[in-house]
Amino acid sequence: MKYPDLNVFVAWFLMLQTLAMGWVAATGRVLLEMLGVATAEGDVPGRMVGALLLLLLVYLVWHFMRGLPPQGKPEGNGFRSGHRLLLAGNILAALLFVFHFFAGNIDSYNAHLVLNKFTTSFGYFAMGCFAVGFSLIYQSSLPQEQEKNS
């Protein structure tokens, strides 16, 4: 994995975005309303501002902690497969995140319904990828057992 820290950073952002998507959009909308911009509930500007606030929050945690957990060892068991699972989770969660920006432009009810169901299932599958990926990366930082030759 070329950029493991970036992979973990994006995973934390997308994991929190996927878990609290409605709350993040509502927070962005509240901020826009306080600034005097009228927006509709679940509209793109509120989602964008909320996502930027969440990105700022994850960045501040990363900056003050000098990294985000888990910190694995590249030579440990499960490091590469953990990062591959995180990358798969990042892609699926990004598809879910991006879908909501373009959902209003889909005219066909059936196409919108199918894409909504698929991207929602992407979010559930991404959460599983994040959980297993973080677990494998954490496991790689633990002391490894030595093989005993008898």
N, C-alpha and C. Protein backbone atom coordinates (compact mmCIF):
# COMPACT_ATOMS: atom_id res chain seq x y z
N MET A 1 0.85 -1.17 0.00
CA MET A 1 0.00 0.00 0.00
C MET A 1 0.89 1.23 0.00
N LYS A 2 0.73 2.09 -1.00
CA LYS A 2 1.59 3.26 -1.13
C LYS A 2 1.30 4.32 -0.07
N TYR A 3 0.05 4.61 0.18
CA TYR A 3 -0.32 5.69 1.09
C TYR A 3 -1.25 5.16 2.19
N PRO A 4 -0.72 4.42 3.14
CA PRO A 4 -1.60 3.84 4.17
C PRO A 4 -2.24 4.90 5.07
N ASP A 5 -1.52 6.00 5.36
CA ASP A 5 -2.09 7.03 6.23
C ASP A 5 -3.25 7.74 5.55
N LEU A 6 -3.14 7.99 4.26
CA LEU A 6 -4.23 8.61 3.52
C LEU A 6 -5.44 7.67 3.45
N ASN A 7 -5.18 6.39 3.29
CA ASN A 7 -6.25 5.40 3.25
C ASN A 7 -7.02 5.38 4.57
N VAL A 8 -6.31 5.44 5.69
CA VAL A 8 -6.97 5.44 7.01
C VAL A 8 -7.71 6.76 7.22
N PHE A 9 -7.12 7.88 6.79
CA PHE A 9 -7.77 9.19 6.94
C PHE A 9 -9.10 9.22 6.17
N VAL A 10 -9.08 8.78 4.93
CA VAL A 10 -10.29 8.77 4.11
C VAL A 10 -11.30 7.78 4.70
N ALA A 11 -10.83 6.67 5.23
CA ALA A 11 -11.73 5.69 5.84
C ALA A 11 -12.45 6.30 7.04
N TRP A 12 -11.74 7.04 7.88
CA TRP A 12 -12.38 7.67 9.03
C TRP A 12 -13.42 8.69 8.58
N PHE A 13 -13.07 9.50 7.57
CA PHE A 13 -14.03 10.48 7.07
C PHE A 13 -15.26 9.81 6.48
N LEU A 14 -15.05 8.84 5.60
CA LEU A 14 -16.20 8.20 4.94
C LEU A 14 -17.00 7.32 5.90
N MET A 15 -16.34 6.74 6.89
CA MET A 15 -17.06 5.94 7.86
C MET A 15 -18.01 6.82 8.68
N LEU A 16 -17.51 7.94 9.16
CA LEU A 16 -18.36 8.85 9.91
C LEU A 16 -19.44 9.47 9.03
N GLN A 17 -19.09 9.76 7.78
CA GLN A 17 -20.07 10.32 6.84
C GLN A 17 -21.18 9.31 6.56
N THR A 18 -20.82 8.06 6.41
CA THR A 18 -21.82 7.03 6.13
C THR A 18 -22.70 6.76 7.34
N LEU A 19 -22.11 6.73 8.52
CA LEU A 19 -22.88 6.46 9.73
C LEU A 19 -23.85 7.58 10.07
N ALA A 20 -23.42 8.82 9.88
CA ALA A 20 -24.22 9.97 10.31
C ALA A 20 -24.57 10.88 9.14
N MET A 21 -24.90 10.29 8.00
CA MET A 21 -25.13 11.07 6.79
C MET A 21 -26.23 12.13 6.98
N GLY A 22 -27.32 11.76 7.58
CA GLY A 22 -28.41 12.71 7.79
C GLY A 22 -28.05 13.81 8.77
N TRP A 23 -27.35 13.43 9.83
CA TRP A 23 -26.94 14.42 10.82
C TRP A 23 -25.92 15.39 10.25
N VAL A 24 -25.02 14.89 9.43
CA VAL A 24 -24.01 15.74 8.82
C VAL A 24 -24.68 16.74 7.88
N ALA A 25 -25.63 16.27 7.08
CA ALA A 25 -26.35 17.16 6.16
C ALA A 25 -27.17 18.19 6.95
N ALA A 26 -27.78 17.76 8.04
CA ALA A 26 -28.58 18.68 8.85
C ALA A 26 -27.69 19.74 9.51
N THR A 27 -26.51 19.37 9.94
CA THR A 27 -25.58 20.32 10.53
C THR A 27 -25.15 21.36 9.50
N GLY A 28 -24.85 20.91 8.29
CA GLY A 28 -24.50 21.84 7.23
C GLY A 28 -25.64 22.77 6.89
N ARG A 29 -26.85 22.24 6.88
CA ARG A 29 -28.02 23.07 6.58
C ARG A 29 -28.24 24.10 7.69
N VAL A 30 -28.08 23.71 8.95
CA VAL A 30 -28.24 24.65 10.06
C VAL A 30 -27.22 25.77 9.95
N LEU A 31 -25.98 25.43 9.62
CA LEU A 31 -24.96 26.46 9.47
C LEU A 31 -25.31 27.42 8.33
N LEU A 32 -25.78 26.88 7.22
CA LEU A 32 -26.18 27.74 6.11
C LEU A 32 -27.37 28.62 6.48
N GLU A 33 -28.33 28.06 7.22
CA GLU A 33 -29.48 28.85 7.66
C GLU A 33 -29.05 29.97 8.60
N MET A 34 -28.07 29.70 9.46
CA MET A 34 -27.57 30.74 10.37
C MET A 34 -26.87 31.85 9.60
N LEU A 35 -26.29 31.51 8.46
CA LEU A 35 -25.63 32.51 7.62
C LEU A 35 -26.60 33.22 6.69
N GLY A 36 -27.87 32.82 6.71
CA GLY A 36 -28.88 33.50 5.92
C GLY A 36 -29.17 32.89 4.56
N VAL A 37 -28.66 31.70 4.30
CA VAL A 37 -28.91 31.03 3.02
C VAL A 37 -30.07 30.06 3.21
N ALA A 38 -31.11 30.24 2.40
CA ALA A 38 -32.27 29.35 2.50
C ALA A 38 -32.00 28.07 1.72
N THR A 39 -32.09 26.93 2.39
CA THR A 39 -31.87 25.64 1.73
C THR A 39 -33.00 24.70 2.09
N ALA A 40 -33.21 23.72 1.24
CA ALA A 40 -34.20 22.69 1.52
C ALA A 40 -33.54 21.55 2.29
N GLU A 41 -34.35 20.79 3.02
CA GLU A 41 -33.81 19.68 3.80
C GLU A 41 -33.24 18.62 2.87
N GLY A 42 -32.02 18.17 3.15
CA GLY A 42 -31.37 17.14 2.34
C GLY A 42 -30.84 17.64 1.02
N ASP A 43 -30.75 18.97 0.85
CA ASP A 43 -30.28 19.54 -0.40
C ASP A 43 -28.75 19.46 -0.49
N VAL A 44 -28.24 19.63 -1.70
CA VAL A 44 -26.80 19.48 -1.94
C VAL A 44 -25.95 20.48 -1.15
N PRO A 45 -26.30 21.77 -1.07
CA PRO A 45 -25.43 22.68 -0.30
C PRO A 45 -25.29 22.28 1.16
N GLY A 46 -26.37 21.85 1.79
CA GLY A 46 -26.28 21.41 3.18
C GLY A 46 -25.40 20.18 3.33
N ARG A 47 -25.52 19.24 2.40
CA ARG A 47 -24.67 18.05 2.44
C ARG A 47 -23.20 18.41 2.25
N MET A 48 -22.94 19.34 1.33
CA MET A 48 -21.56 19.73 1.05
C MET A 48 -20.93 20.45 2.24
N VAL A 49 -21.66 21.39 2.83
CA VAL A 49 -21.13 22.12 3.98
C VAL A 49 -20.94 21.18 5.18
N GLY A 50 -21.89 20.27 5.39
CA GLY A 50 -21.74 19.30 6.46
C GLY A 50 -20.54 18.39 6.25
N ALA A 51 -20.33 17.97 5.01
CA ALA A 51 -19.17 17.11 4.71
C ALA A 51 -17.87 17.88 4.92
N LEU A 52 -17.84 19.14 4.57
CA LEU A 52 -16.64 19.94 4.80
C LEU A 52 -16.37 20.12 6.29
N LEU A 53 -17.43 20.30 7.07
CA LEU A 53 -17.26 20.39 8.53
C LEU A 53 -16.73 19.08 9.11
N LEU A 54 -17.26 17.96 8.62
CA LEU A 54 -16.79 16.66 9.08
C LEU A 54 -15.34 16.43 8.66
N LEU A 55 -14.99 16.83 7.46
CA LEU A 55 -13.60 16.72 6.99
C LEU A 55 -12.68 17.55 7.87
N LEU A 56 -13.11 18.75 8.24
CA LEU A 56 -12.33 19.59 9.14
C LEU A 56 -12.16 18.93 10.50
N LEU A 57 -13.23 18.32 11.02
CA LEU A 57 -13.16 17.64 12.31
C LEU A 57 -12.18 16.47 12.27
N VAL A 58 -12.25 15.64 11.22
CA VAL A 58 -11.33 14.51 11.09
C VAL A 58 -9.90 15.00 10.94
N TYR A 59 -9.71 16.09 10.19
CA TYR A 59 -8.36 16.65 10.03
C TYR A 59 -7.82 17.15 11.36
N LEU A 60 -8.64 17.83 12.15
CA LEU A 60 -8.17 18.33 13.45
C LEU A 60 -7.78 17.18 14.38
N VAL A 61 -8.57 16.11 14.37
CA VAL A 61 -8.21 14.95 15.19
C VAL A 61 -6.90 14.36 14.69
N TRP A 62 -6.74 14.24 13.37
CA TRP A 62 -5.51 13.70 12.80
C TRP A 62 -4.32 14.59 13.17
N HIS A 63 -4.51 15.90 13.09
CA HIS A 63 -3.42 16.84 13.35
C HIS A 63 -2.97 16.79 14.81
N PHE A 64 -3.91 16.80 15.73
CA PHE A 64 -3.54 16.85 17.14
C PHE A 64 -3.10 15.48 17.68
N MET A 65 -3.58 14.40 17.09
CA MET A 65 -3.14 13.08 17.53
C MET A 65 -1.91 12.60 16.76
N ARG A 66 -1.51 13.35 15.74
CA ARG A 66 -0.39 13.00 14.87
C ARG A 66 -0.61 11.64 14.20
N GLY A 67 -1.81 11.45 13.72
CA GLY A 67 -2.18 10.21 13.05
C GLY A 67 -3.52 9.71 13.58
N LEU A 68 -4.11 8.84 12.84
CA LEU A 68 -5.39 8.26 13.26
C LEU A 68 -5.19 6.77 13.52
N PRO A 69 -5.90 6.24 14.52
CA PRO A 69 -5.79 4.81 14.77
C PRO A 69 -6.50 4.03 13.69
N PRO A 70 -6.17 2.84 13.42
CA PRO A 70 -5.09 2.06 14.02
C PRO A 70 -3.77 2.29 13.29
N GLN A 71 -2.70 2.25 14.03
CA GLN A 71 -1.36 2.36 13.45
C GLN A 71 -0.80 0.95 13.35
N GLY A 72 -0.76 0.40 12.18
CA GLY A 72 -0.26 -0.95 12.00
C GLY A 72 1.20 -0.97 11.61
N LYS A 73 1.75 -2.18 11.56
CA LYS A 73 3.13 -2.38 11.12
C LYS A 73 3.09 -3.00 9.73
N PRO A 74 3.77 -2.40 8.76
CA PRO A 74 3.74 -2.95 7.40
C PRO A 74 4.23 -4.39 7.29
N GLU A 75 5.06 -4.81 8.21
CA GLU A 75 5.56 -6.19 8.15
C GLU A 75 4.68 -7.17 8.93
N GLY A 76 3.65 -6.67 9.60
CA GLY A 76 2.77 -7.51 10.40
C GLY A 76 1.74 -8.25 9.57
N ASN A 77 1.19 -9.32 10.16
CA ASN A 77 0.15 -10.10 9.48
C ASN A 77 -1.13 -9.28 9.38
N GLY A 78 -1.71 -9.23 8.21
CA GLY A 78 -2.98 -8.56 8.01
C GLY A 78 -2.90 -7.11 7.60
N PHE A 79 -1.70 -6.54 7.53
CA PHE A 79 -1.57 -5.12 7.20
C PHE A 79 -2.05 -4.84 5.77
N ARG A 80 -1.53 -5.59 4.83
CA ARG A 80 -1.89 -5.35 3.42
C ARG A 80 -3.35 -5.68 3.14
N SER A 81 -3.82 -6.80 3.66
CA SER A 81 -5.22 -7.16 3.42
C SER A 81 -6.16 -6.20 4.14
N GLY A 82 -5.77 -5.69 5.30
CA GLY A 82 -6.57 -4.70 6.01
C GLY A 82 -6.71 -3.41 5.21
N HIS A 83 -5.61 -2.97 4.63
CA HIS A 83 -5.66 -1.75 3.82
C HIS A 83 -6.43 -1.97 2.52
N ARG A 84 -6.36 -3.16 1.99
CA ARG A 84 -7.17 -3.45 0.79
C ARG A 84 -8.66 -3.42 1.11
N LEU A 85 -9.03 -3.96 2.27
CA LEU A 85 -10.43 -3.90 2.68
C LEU A 85 -10.86 -2.46 2.96
N LEU A 86 -9.98 -1.66 3.56
CA LEU A 86 -10.30 -0.25 3.78
C LEU A 86 -10.49 0.47 2.45
N LEU A 87 -9.66 0.15 1.47
CA LEU A 87 -9.79 0.77 0.15
C LEU A 87 -11.12 0.38 -0.49
N ALA A 88 -11.51 -0.87 -0.38
CA ALA A 88 -12.80 -1.31 -0.92
C ALA A 88 -13.95 -0.59 -0.20
N GLY A 89 -13.85 -0.47 1.12
CA GLY A 89 -14.86 0.26 1.88
C GLY A 89 -14.90 1.73 1.49
N ASN A 90 -13.73 2.33 1.25
CA ASN A 90 -13.68 3.72 0.83
C ASN A 90 -14.37 3.93 -0.51
N ILE A 91 -14.16 3.02 -1.43
CA ILE A 91 -14.78 3.15 -2.75
C ILE A 91 -16.29 3.02 -2.64
N LEU A 92 -16.76 2.03 -1.90
CA LEU A 92 -18.21 1.84 -1.75
C LEU A 92 -18.85 3.02 -1.02
N ALA A 93 -18.22 3.50 0.04
CA ALA A 93 -18.78 4.63 0.79
C ALA A 93 -18.74 5.90 -0.05
N ALA A 94 -17.72 6.06 -0.88
CA ALA A 94 -17.65 7.23 -1.76
C ALA A 94 -18.77 7.18 -2.80
N LEU A 95 -19.09 6.00 -3.30
CA LEU A 95 -20.21 5.88 -4.24
C LEU A 95 -21.53 6.27 -3.57
N LEU A 96 -21.71 5.86 -2.33
CA LEU A 96 -22.91 6.26 -1.58
C LEU A 96 -22.93 7.76 -1.36
N PHE A 97 -21.80 8.33 -1.01
CA PHE A 97 -21.69 9.76 -0.75
C PHE A 97 -21.99 10.58 -2.01
N VAL A 98 -21.43 10.18 -3.12
CA VAL A 98 -21.60 10.91 -4.38
C VAL A 98 -23.02 10.74 -4.94
N PHE A 99 -23.64 9.60 -4.70
CA PHE A 99 -24.99 9.35 -5.23
C PHE A 99 -25.97 10.42 -4.78
N HIS A 100 -25.86 10.86 -3.53
CA HIS A 100 -26.83 11.82 -3.00
C HIS A 100 -26.69 13.19 -3.64
N PHE A 101 -25.54 13.48 -4.24
CA PHE A 101 -25.39 14.75 -4.95
C PHE A 101 -26.10 14.73 -6.30
N PHE A 102 -26.20 13.55 -6.91
CA PHE A 102 -26.80 13.44 -8.24
C PHE A 102 -28.17 12.78 -8.24
N ALA A 103 -28.68 12.42 -7.09
CA ALA A 103 -29.97 11.71 -7.02
C ALA A 103 -31.12 12.57 -7.53
N GLY A 104 -31.05 13.87 -7.33
CA GLY A 104 -32.12 14.75 -7.78
C GLY A 104 -32.19 14.88 -9.29
N ASN A 105 -31.13 14.55 -9.99
CA ASN A 105 -31.10 14.68 -11.45
C ASN A 105 -31.61 13.43 -12.16
N ILE A 106 -31.88 12.37 -11.43
CA ILE A 106 -32.36 11.13 -12.05
C ILE A 106 -33.86 11.23 -12.22
N ASP A 107 -34.31 11.22 -13.47
CA ASP A 107 -35.73 11.43 -13.77
C ASP A 107 -36.56 10.16 -13.59
N SER A 108 -36.00 9.03 -13.95
CA SER A 108 -36.75 7.78 -13.91
C SER A 108 -36.90 7.30 -12.46
N TYR A 109 -38.14 7.06 -12.06
CA TYR A 109 -38.40 6.58 -10.70
C TYR A 109 -37.75 5.23 -10.47
N ASN A 110 -37.86 4.33 -11.44
CA ASN A 110 -37.30 2.99 -11.28
C ASN A 110 -35.78 3.02 -11.18
N ALA A 111 -35.14 3.83 -12.02
CA ALA A 111 -33.68 3.93 -11.96
C ALA A 111 -33.25 4.52 -10.62
N HIS A 112 -33.97 5.53 -10.15
CA HIS A 112 -33.64 6.13 -8.86
C HIS A 112 -33.81 5.12 -7.73
N LEU A 113 -34.87 4.33 -7.78
CA LEU A 113 -35.12 3.33 -6.75
C LEU A 113 -34.02 2.27 -6.72
N VAL A 114 -33.65 1.77 -7.89
CA VAL A 114 -32.61 0.74 -7.96
C VAL A 114 -31.27 1.30 -7.49
N LEU A 115 -30.90 2.49 -7.96
CA LEU A 115 -29.63 3.08 -7.54
C LEU A 115 -29.62 3.40 -6.05
N ASN A 116 -30.75 3.83 -5.52
CA ASN A 116 -30.84 4.11 -4.09
C ASN A 116 -30.64 2.84 -3.27
N LYS A 117 -31.26 1.75 -3.69
CA LYS A 117 -31.11 0.48 -2.96
C LYS A 117 -29.66 -0.03 -3.06
N PHE A 118 -29.06 0.07 -4.25
CA PHE A 118 -27.68 -0.39 -4.40
C PHE A 118 -26.72 0.44 -3.56
N THR A 119 -26.85 1.76 -3.59
CA THR A 119 -25.92 2.57 -2.83
C THR A 119 -26.14 2.42 -1.33
N THR A 120 -27.36 2.19 -0.91
CA THR A 120 -27.61 1.92 0.51
C THR A 120 -26.93 0.61 0.93
N SER A 121 -27.02 -0.39 0.09
CA SER A 121 -26.34 -1.65 0.40
C SER A 121 -24.83 -1.46 0.37
N PHE A 122 -24.33 -0.56 -0.49
CA PHE A 122 -22.90 -0.24 -0.49
C PHE A 122 -22.49 0.30 0.87
N GLY A 123 -23.34 1.14 1.47
CA GLY A 123 -23.02 1.68 2.79
C GLY A 123 -22.91 0.61 3.85
N TYR A 124 -23.82 -0.35 3.83
CA TYR A 124 -23.75 -1.46 4.80
C TYR A 124 -22.51 -2.31 4.57
N PHE A 125 -22.21 -2.60 3.32
CA PHE A 125 -21.04 -3.41 3.01
C PHE A 125 -19.76 -2.66 3.34
N ALA A 126 -19.76 -1.34 3.11
CA ALA A 126 -18.58 -0.52 3.43
C ALA A 126 -18.31 -0.55 4.93
N MET A 127 -19.37 -0.53 5.76
CA MET A 127 -19.17 -0.59 7.21
C MET A 127 -18.50 -1.90 7.62
N GLY A 128 -18.90 -2.99 6.98
CA GLY A 128 -18.25 -4.28 7.24
C GLY A 128 -16.80 -4.26 6.82
N CYS A 129 -16.52 -3.67 5.66
CA CYS A 129 -15.13 -3.57 5.19
C CYS A 129 -14.30 -2.73 6.15
N PHE A 130 -14.88 -1.63 6.65
CA PHE A 130 -14.15 -0.79 7.61
C PHE A 130 -13.86 -1.56 8.89
N ALA A 131 -14.84 -2.27 9.40
CA ALA A 131 -14.66 -3.00 10.66
C ALA A 131 -13.59 -4.07 10.54
N VAL A 132 -13.66 -4.88 9.50
CA VAL A 132 -12.68 -5.96 9.33
C VAL A 132 -11.31 -5.37 8.97
N GLY A 133 -11.29 -4.34 8.12
CA GLY A 133 -10.02 -3.72 7.73
C GLY A 133 -9.29 -3.11 8.91
N PHE A 134 -10.02 -2.35 9.74
CA PHE A 134 -9.40 -1.76 10.93
C PHE A 134 -8.92 -2.86 11.88
N SER A 135 -9.67 -3.93 12.00
CA SER A 135 -9.28 -5.03 12.87
C SER A 135 -7.98 -5.68 12.38
N LEU A 136 -7.89 -5.90 11.08
CA LEU A 136 -6.67 -6.51 10.53
C LEU A 136 -5.46 -5.59 10.68
N ILE A 137 -5.66 -4.30 10.49
CA ILE A 137 -4.54 -3.36 10.65
C ILE A 137 -4.09 -3.32 12.10
N TYR A 138 -5.05 -3.31 13.03
CA TYR A 138 -4.70 -3.34 14.45
C TYR A 138 -3.97 -4.63 14.78
N GLN A 139 -4.43 -5.74 14.22
CA GLN A 139 -3.79 -7.03 14.47
C GLN A 139 -2.34 -7.03 14.00
N SER A 140 -2.04 -6.29 12.93
CA SER A 140 -0.67 -6.27 12.42
C SER A 140 0.28 -5.57 13.36
N SER A 141 -0.23 -4.73 14.26
CA SER A 141 0.64 -4.02 15.19
C SER A 141 0.94 -4.85 16.44
N LEU A 142 0.22 -5.95 16.65
CA LEU A 142 0.45 -6.80 17.81
C LEU A 142 1.70 -7.65 17.61
N PRO A 143 2.33 -8.10 18.69
CA PRO A 143 3.50 -8.97 18.54
C PRO A 143 3.11 -10.25 17.78
N GLN A 144 3.95 -10.62 16.84
CA GLN A 144 3.68 -11.79 16.01
C GLN A 144 4.32 -13.02 16.65
N GLU A 145 3.62 -14.14 16.54
CA GLU A 145 4.16 -15.39 17.06
C GLU A 145 5.24 -15.92 16.13
N GLN A 146 6.25 -16.47 16.72
CA GLN A 146 7.32 -17.05 15.95
C GLN A 146 7.01 -18.53 15.69
N GLU A 147 7.31 -19.00 14.50
CA GLU A 147 7.09 -20.42 14.19
C GLU A 147 8.17 -21.22 14.90
N LYS A 148 7.74 -22.32 15.53
CA LYS A 148 8.69 -23.18 16.26
C LYS A 148 8.99 -24.39 15.39
N ASN A 149 10.25 -24.58 15.11
CA ASN A 149 10.69 -25.76 14.37
C ASN A 149 11.12 -26.84 15.36
N SER A 150 10.45 -27.98 15.32
CA SER A 150 10.83 -29.05 16.25
C SER A 150 11.42 -30.22 15.57
